[in-house]
Amino acid sequence: AARARHDALEGSDVLAVLAETVAPLVEEDIASSTLDTLYPLVLNGVGRAWIGPSARQPEVGAAWSVALAGCRRQFHAEPSRLATALLKALRTLADTPGAQPLRWAQRLADLSERADSTDALLDAGSVLAWREGFVRIRTAALRASSGLNPTLALAALGVATSHTPAELMTALDQLEADPWLTPEQAFEPTRPGGELAIQTVCGGFRGFDGPFLTPPTLVASSSGIIASDGDRWFRLHADVFGTAFERISDFDAESTPDDHPSIQPDGTIRWNGQQQMFHELASAPSAASTATTLAVVIPASHRIALIASAG
């Protein structure tokens, strides 16, 4: 029946996944509910080339095995839910530039003993995914952190678990307010303000896996910075862990005159009460800003420089 849905499904690939991933979980109980749960998932995953020897992204299957084996307590409590959620998360991470699915799986396994439920483990997993560069869930990850037990939240954020609950909540507020802070920096008692600096560069030509056919135009909106090449519109997600372009069909433009950046022909930028020269941004064709980030199109390119205070 599975082969009728997936023409390329190979029995040898299914057997390989059963041996490598399922057998260690089933142990000697071949009639267990674990096998009943995982077998259809394996058939579908192999058939769609998500896992197995013929998978398009081999790291997904390897990471799924690590995560399932490392999170046994939560798996045996809710096997179908956890196995499905883990596979979906790993496929998403495999498509996220810079993310390492196997590292995420290993970190999640390390956290499993601190998680008292499947919900808590998955919430901690969202924090780990954000740290891996899946920046579109930044807000959800920070919200999830505030609802976890403090020790689990601190471990998921990658900071010392000796911090107090009050310090955790203060740090989460700091992270919410400034996307260019690392979790470690958010726990520092004081931080001197820094000069404007290019935090990262993103974008690129669509012919080379970028989002834009032509150099983009930038617009500030109520939901962040919007970039367009005249053919498509994208919402820019960016923070210290990465960048992502979300394709959209509509947005509400807005202008904040007091914070509007001034860019001189020589590349001198005046923004948020600070001034800094960037020679590479001389005669920049377009710019837009939020309260924390200034985006500037790099001249004669399809790339965008993201500027914020370094500190």
Protein backbone atom coordinates (compact mmCIF):
# COMPACT_ATOMS: atom_id res chain seq x y z
CA ALA A 1 0.00 0.00 0.00
CA ALA A 2 2.85 2.38 0.80
CA ARG A 3 4.57 1.60 -2.49
CA ALA A 4 1.34 2.50 -4.32
CA ARG A 5 1.71 6.01 -2.85
CA HIS A 6 5.47 6.22 -3.27
CA ASP A 7 6.82 4.69 -6.48
CA ALA A 8 10.45 4.94 -5.36
CA LEU A 9 9.93 3.18 -2.02
CA GLU A 10 12.55 0.46 -1.56
CA GLY A 11 12.17 -2.31 0.98
CA SER A 12 15.89 -2.31 1.68
CA ASP A 13 15.74 1.35 2.68
CA VAL A 14 12.85 0.66 5.04
CA LEU A 15 14.75 -2.24 6.62
CA ALA A 16 17.80 -0.02 7.11
CA VAL A 17 15.78 2.58 9.05
CA LEU A 18 14.05 -0.11 11.09
CA ALA A 19 17.42 -1.56 12.05
CA GLU A 20 19.15 1.73 12.80
CA THR A 21 16.35 3.77 14.37
CA VAL A 22 13.45 1.58 15.44
CA ALA A 23 15.18 -1.57 16.72
CA PRO A 24 17.02 0.20 19.58
CA LEU A 25 13.70 1.65 20.77
CA VAL A 26 11.69 -1.56 20.43
CA GLU A 27 14.41 -3.64 22.11
CA GLU A 28 13.09 -7.21 22.32
CA ASP A 29 9.37 -6.42 22.34
CA ILE A 30 8.59 -6.82 18.64
CA ALA A 31 4.85 -6.45 19.30
CA SER A 32 5.22 -3.21 21.19
CA SER A 33 3.21 -0.05 20.56
CA THR A 34 6.54 1.59 19.66
CA LEU A 35 6.74 -0.49 16.50
CA ASP A 36 3.08 0.14 15.73
CA THR A 37 3.72 3.88 15.99
CA LEU A 38 7.00 4.15 14.11
CA TYR A 39 6.43 1.70 11.25
CA PRO A 40 3.95 3.87 9.30
CA LEU A 41 6.11 6.94 9.96
CA VAL A 42 9.12 5.08 8.57
CA LEU A 43 7.22 4.00 5.46
CA ASN A 44 6.07 7.54 4.78
CA GLY A 45 9.44 9.09 5.60
CA VAL A 46 11.38 6.69 3.40
CA GLY A 47 8.81 6.96 0.62
CA ARG A 48 9.12 10.75 0.61
CA ALA A 49 12.94 10.53 0.79
CA TRP A 50 13.03 12.30 4.14
CA ILE A 51 14.94 9.50 5.88
CA GLY A 52 16.81 6.35 4.90
CA PRO A 53 19.80 5.57 2.64
CA SER A 54 18.20 7.34 -0.34
CA ALA A 55 17.13 10.47 1.59
CA ARG A 56 17.68 13.87 -0.01
CA GLN A 57 19.09 15.14 3.31
CA PRO A 58 20.83 12.22 5.06
CA GLU A 59 21.46 14.24 8.22
CA VAL A 60 17.72 14.28 8.99
CA GLY A 61 17.48 10.52 9.50
CA ALA A 62 20.66 10.37 11.56
CA ALA A 63 19.47 13.22 13.77
CA TRP A 64 16.00 11.65 14.14
CA SER A 65 17.60 8.48 15.48
CA VAL A 66 19.66 10.45 17.98
CA ALA A 67 16.69 12.50 19.16
CA LEU A 68 14.36 9.52 19.57
CA ALA A 69 16.97 7.49 21.44
CA GLY A 70 17.89 10.43 23.67
CA CYS A 71 14.33 11.40 24.56
CA ARG A 72 12.96 7.96 25.45
CA ARG A 73 10.93 9.04 28.47
CA GLN A 74 8.92 11.58 26.49
CA PHE A 75 8.77 9.24 23.49
CA HIS A 76 7.21 6.40 25.46
CA ALA A 77 4.69 8.83 26.97
CA GLU A 78 3.54 10.19 23.59
CA PRO A 79 5.30 8.23 20.84
CA SER A 80 3.36 9.36 17.77
CA ARG A 81 3.28 13.02 18.72
CA LEU A 82 6.96 13.26 19.62
CA ALA A 83 8.27 11.22 16.68
CA THR A 84 6.23 13.27 14.21
CA ALA A 85 7.21 16.60 15.79
CA LEU A 86 10.89 15.69 15.84
CA LEU A 87 10.92 14.68 12.20
CA LYS A 88 9.14 17.88 11.15
CA ALA A 89 11.54 20.01 13.18
CA LEU A 90 14.59 18.29 11.73
CA ARG A 91 13.36 18.70 8.16
CA THR A 92 12.86 22.41 8.82
CA LEU A 93 16.34 22.76 10.30
CA ALA A 94 17.86 20.92 7.35
CA ASP A 95 16.43 23.66 5.13
CA THR A 96 17.76 26.44 7.40
CA PRO A 97 21.13 27.85 6.24
CA GLY A 98 23.81 27.27 8.86
CA ALA A 99 21.71 25.00 11.08
CA GLN A 100 23.04 21.61 12.15
CA PRO A 101 20.20 19.12 12.71
CA LEU A 102 22.44 16.56 14.40
CA ARG A 103 23.70 19.15 16.90
CA TRP A 104 20.09 20.17 17.62
CA ALA A 105 19.15 16.53 18.24
CA GLN A 106 22.10 15.97 20.57
CA ARG A 107 21.31 19.13 22.55
CA LEU A 108 17.65 18.14 22.80
CA ALA A 109 18.63 14.71 24.11
CA ASP A 110 20.80 16.41 26.73
CA LEU A 111 17.79 18.46 27.86
CA SER A 112 15.35 15.56 28.01
CA GLU A 113 16.08 14.67 31.63
CA ARG A 114 15.20 18.22 32.68
CA ALA A 115 11.87 18.21 30.80
CA ASP A 116 8.93 16.88 32.81
CA SER A 117 6.60 16.55 29.81
CA THR A 118 6.50 16.33 26.04
CA ASP A 119 5.24 19.92 25.89
CA ALA A 120 8.22 21.14 27.89
CA LEU A 121 10.66 19.20 25.72
CA LEU A 122 9.18 20.55 22.48
CA ASP A 123 9.20 24.10 23.85
CA ALA A 124 12.86 23.68 24.78
CA GLY A 125 13.39 22.33 21.27
CA SER A 126 11.99 25.53 19.79
CA VAL A 127 14.54 27.52 21.78
CA LEU A 128 17.31 25.29 20.46
CA ALA A 129 15.97 25.67 16.91
CA TRP A 130 16.06 29.45 17.26
CA ARG A 131 19.67 29.24 18.40
CA GLU A 132 20.40 27.07 15.34
CA GLY A 133 19.33 29.95 13.09
CA PHE A 134 15.60 29.38 12.61
CA VAL A 135 14.98 33.08 13.29
CA ARG A 136 11.33 33.11 12.24
CA ILE A 137 10.40 31.53 15.60
CA ARG A 138 12.38 34.01 17.70
CA THR A 139 9.30 35.50 19.40
CA ALA A 140 7.74 32.09 20.01
CA ALA A 141 11.02 30.74 21.40
CA LEU A 142 11.36 33.59 23.87
CA ARG A 143 7.75 33.15 24.93
CA ALA A 144 8.34 29.43 25.37
CA SER A 145 11.40 30.12 27.52
CA SER A 146 9.36 32.18 29.95
CA GLY A 147 6.97 29.27 30.47
CA LEU A 148 9.58 26.58 31.11
CA ASN A 149 10.97 25.68 34.50
CA PRO A 150 13.95 28.02 34.99
CA THR A 151 16.62 25.30 34.93
CA LEU A 152 15.36 23.90 31.63
CA ALA A 153 14.99 27.37 30.13
CA LEU A 154 18.52 28.34 31.10
CA ALA A 155 19.93 25.11 29.69
CA ALA A 156 18.00 25.59 26.43
CA LEU A 157 19.36 29.13 26.14
CA GLY A 158 22.87 27.76 26.58
CA VAL A 159 23.73 29.74 29.71
CA ALA A 160 24.69 28.77 33.26
CA THR A 161 21.84 27.07 35.11
CA SER A 162 22.92 28.83 38.31
CA HIS A 163 21.13 32.04 37.30
CA THR A 164 18.05 32.88 39.37
CA PRO A 165 14.50 32.94 37.99
CA ALA A 166 14.49 36.73 38.35
CA GLU A 167 17.70 37.00 36.32
CA LEU A 168 16.14 34.77 33.67
CA MET A 169 13.07 36.97 33.28
CA THR A 170 15.20 40.11 33.07
CA ALA A 171 17.41 38.52 30.43
CA LEU A 172 14.38 37.41 28.39
CA ASP A 173 13.11 41.00 28.43
CA GLN A 174 16.52 42.14 27.18
CA LEU A 175 16.50 39.54 24.39
CA GLU A 176 13.00 40.57 23.37
CA ALA A 177 14.08 44.20 23.14
CA ASP A 178 17.37 43.70 21.29
CA PRO A 179 17.67 41.04 18.56
CA TRP A 180 21.44 41.49 18.39
CA LEU A 181 22.11 40.31 21.93
CA THR A 182 23.28 36.76 22.55
CA PRO A 183 21.72 34.96 25.54
CA GLU A 184 25.08 35.22 27.33
CA GLN A 185 25.18 38.99 26.85
CA ALA A 186 21.62 39.34 28.11
CA PHE A 187 22.70 38.02 31.51
CA GLU A 188 25.55 40.49 31.87
CA PRO A 189 24.76 43.05 34.59
CA THR A 190 25.94 46.06 32.55
CA ARG A 191 26.99 46.55 28.96
CA PRO A 192 28.48 49.72 27.54
CA GLY A 193 26.83 51.08 24.42
CA GLY A 194 28.75 50.43 21.23
CA GLU A 195 29.23 52.11 17.88
CA LEU A 196 27.09 51.33 14.89
CA ALA A 197 28.38 48.24 13.12
CA ILE A 198 27.33 45.90 10.33
CA GLN A 199 25.99 42.87 12.16
CA THR A 200 25.50 40.71 9.08
CA VAL A 201 24.84 40.81 5.34
CA CYS A 202 21.93 38.97 3.76
CA GLY A 203 19.96 38.67 0.52
CA GLY A 204 21.46 37.91 -2.87
CA PHE A 205 20.60 37.29 -6.50
CA ARG A 206 17.81 34.77 -7.13
CA GLY A 207 19.93 33.04 -9.74
CA PHE A 208 22.42 32.17 -6.98
CA ASP A 209 19.83 31.02 -4.41
CA GLY A 210 19.09 34.53 -3.15
CA PRO A 211 15.59 36.06 -3.02
CA PHE A 212 15.96 39.00 -5.46
CA LEU A 213 15.92 39.33 -9.25
CA THR A 214 17.01 42.98 -9.05
CA PRO A 215 18.61 45.08 -6.28
CA PRO A 216 15.90 45.39 -3.63
CA THR A 217 13.98 48.36 -2.31
CA LEU A 218 13.41 48.52 1.45
CA VAL A 219 10.33 49.74 3.33
CA ALA A 220 9.57 49.97 7.05
CA SER A 221 6.33 48.30 8.12
CA SER A 222 4.40 47.60 11.29
CA SER A 223 5.79 44.06 11.25
CA GLY A 224 9.41 44.87 10.44
CA ILE A 225 11.50 45.56 7.36
CA ILE A 226 10.05 44.67 3.96
CA ALA A 227 12.24 44.08 0.89
CA SER A 228 11.07 43.92 -2.72
CA ASP A 229 12.68 43.42 -6.11
CA GLY A 230 9.55 44.64 -7.89
CA ASP A 231 8.40 41.07 -8.49
CA ARG A 232 8.06 39.72 -4.95
CA TRP A 233 7.74 41.11 -1.43
CA PHE A 234 9.58 39.64 1.55
CA ARG A 235 9.48 40.25 5.28
CA LEU A 236 13.01 40.22 6.69
CA HIS A 237 13.61 38.27 9.89
CA ALA A 238 17.02 38.87 11.43
CA ASP A 239 18.83 38.57 14.73
CA VAL A 240 22.13 37.45 16.18
CA PHE A 241 21.48 33.84 15.11
CA GLY A 242 20.63 34.38 11.46
CA THR A 243 18.41 35.89 8.78
CA ALA A 244 15.44 34.71 6.74
CA PHE A 245 13.19 36.15 4.05
CA GLU A 246 9.49 35.31 4.35
CA ARG A 247 7.52 35.83 1.16
CA ILE A 248 4.35 37.90 1.75
CA SER A 249 1.53 39.30 -0.35
CA ASP A 250 0.63 42.43 1.62
CA PHE A 251 1.85 44.67 4.43
CA ASP A 252 1.14 48.00 6.16
CA ALA A 253 3.85 50.56 5.43
CA GLU A 254 4.67 53.04 8.13
CA SER A 255 7.13 55.87 8.61
CA THR A 256 8.88 56.99 11.79
CA PRO A 257 10.40 60.37 10.93
CA ASP A 258 12.31 60.72 14.19
CA ASP A 259 14.20 57.48 13.59
CA HIS A 260 14.53 57.75 9.81
CA PRO A 261 18.15 57.05 8.84
CA SER A 262 20.26 59.64 7.07
CA ILE A 263 22.82 58.22 4.64
CA GLN A 264 25.28 60.62 3.06
CA PRO A 265 26.85 60.06 -0.37
CA ASP A 266 30.17 59.17 1.31
CA GLY A 267 28.54 56.40 3.38
CA THR A 268 28.15 58.35 6.63
CA ILE A 269 25.08 57.09 8.48
CA ARG A 270 23.19 59.05 11.11
CA TRP A 271 20.59 56.98 12.93
CA ASN A 272 19.22 56.65 16.45
CA GLY A 273 21.44 59.48 17.66
CA GLN A 274 24.63 57.85 16.41
CA GLN A 275 26.91 58.48 13.44
CA GLN A 276 29.30 56.15 11.66
CA MET A 277 30.92 55.99 8.22
CA PHE A 278 30.70 52.84 6.09
CA HIS A 279 32.62 53.27 2.85
CA GLU A 280 30.97 50.22 1.33
CA LEU A 281 27.56 51.88 1.72
CA ALA A 282 28.42 55.10 -0.12
CA SER A 283 25.53 56.10 -2.40
CA ALA A 284 23.31 53.34 -1.00
CA PRO A 285 20.11 53.20 -3.06
CA SER A 286 17.64 52.22 -0.30
CA ALA A 287 17.35 51.92 3.47
CA ALA A 288 14.74 51.29 6.15
CA SER A 289 14.83 50.73 9.89
CA THR A 290 13.08 49.33 12.93
CA ALA A 291 13.77 50.48 16.47
CA THR A 292 16.78 48.15 16.68
CA THR A 293 17.98 47.45 13.13
CA LEU A 294 18.93 49.56 10.12
CA ALA A 295 18.85 47.77 6.78
CA VAL A 296 20.80 49.30 3.87
CA VAL A 297 21.05 47.97 0.34
CA ILE A 298 24.71 47.61 -0.63
CA PRO A 299 25.29 49.60 -3.84
CA ALA A 300 25.49 47.67 -7.12
CA SER A 301 24.38 44.43 -5.46
CA HIS A 302 21.40 42.36 -4.40
CA ARG A 303 22.66 42.28 -0.80
CA ILE A 304 21.48 44.06 2.34
CA ALA A 305 23.69 45.18 5.23
CA LEU A 306 22.06 45.04 8.66
CA ILE A 307 23.39 47.64 11.08
CA ALA A 308 22.92 47.99 14.83
CA SER A 309 24.85 49.11 17.87
CA ALA A 310 27.67 46.74 18.74
CA GLY A 311 27.83 46.21 22.42
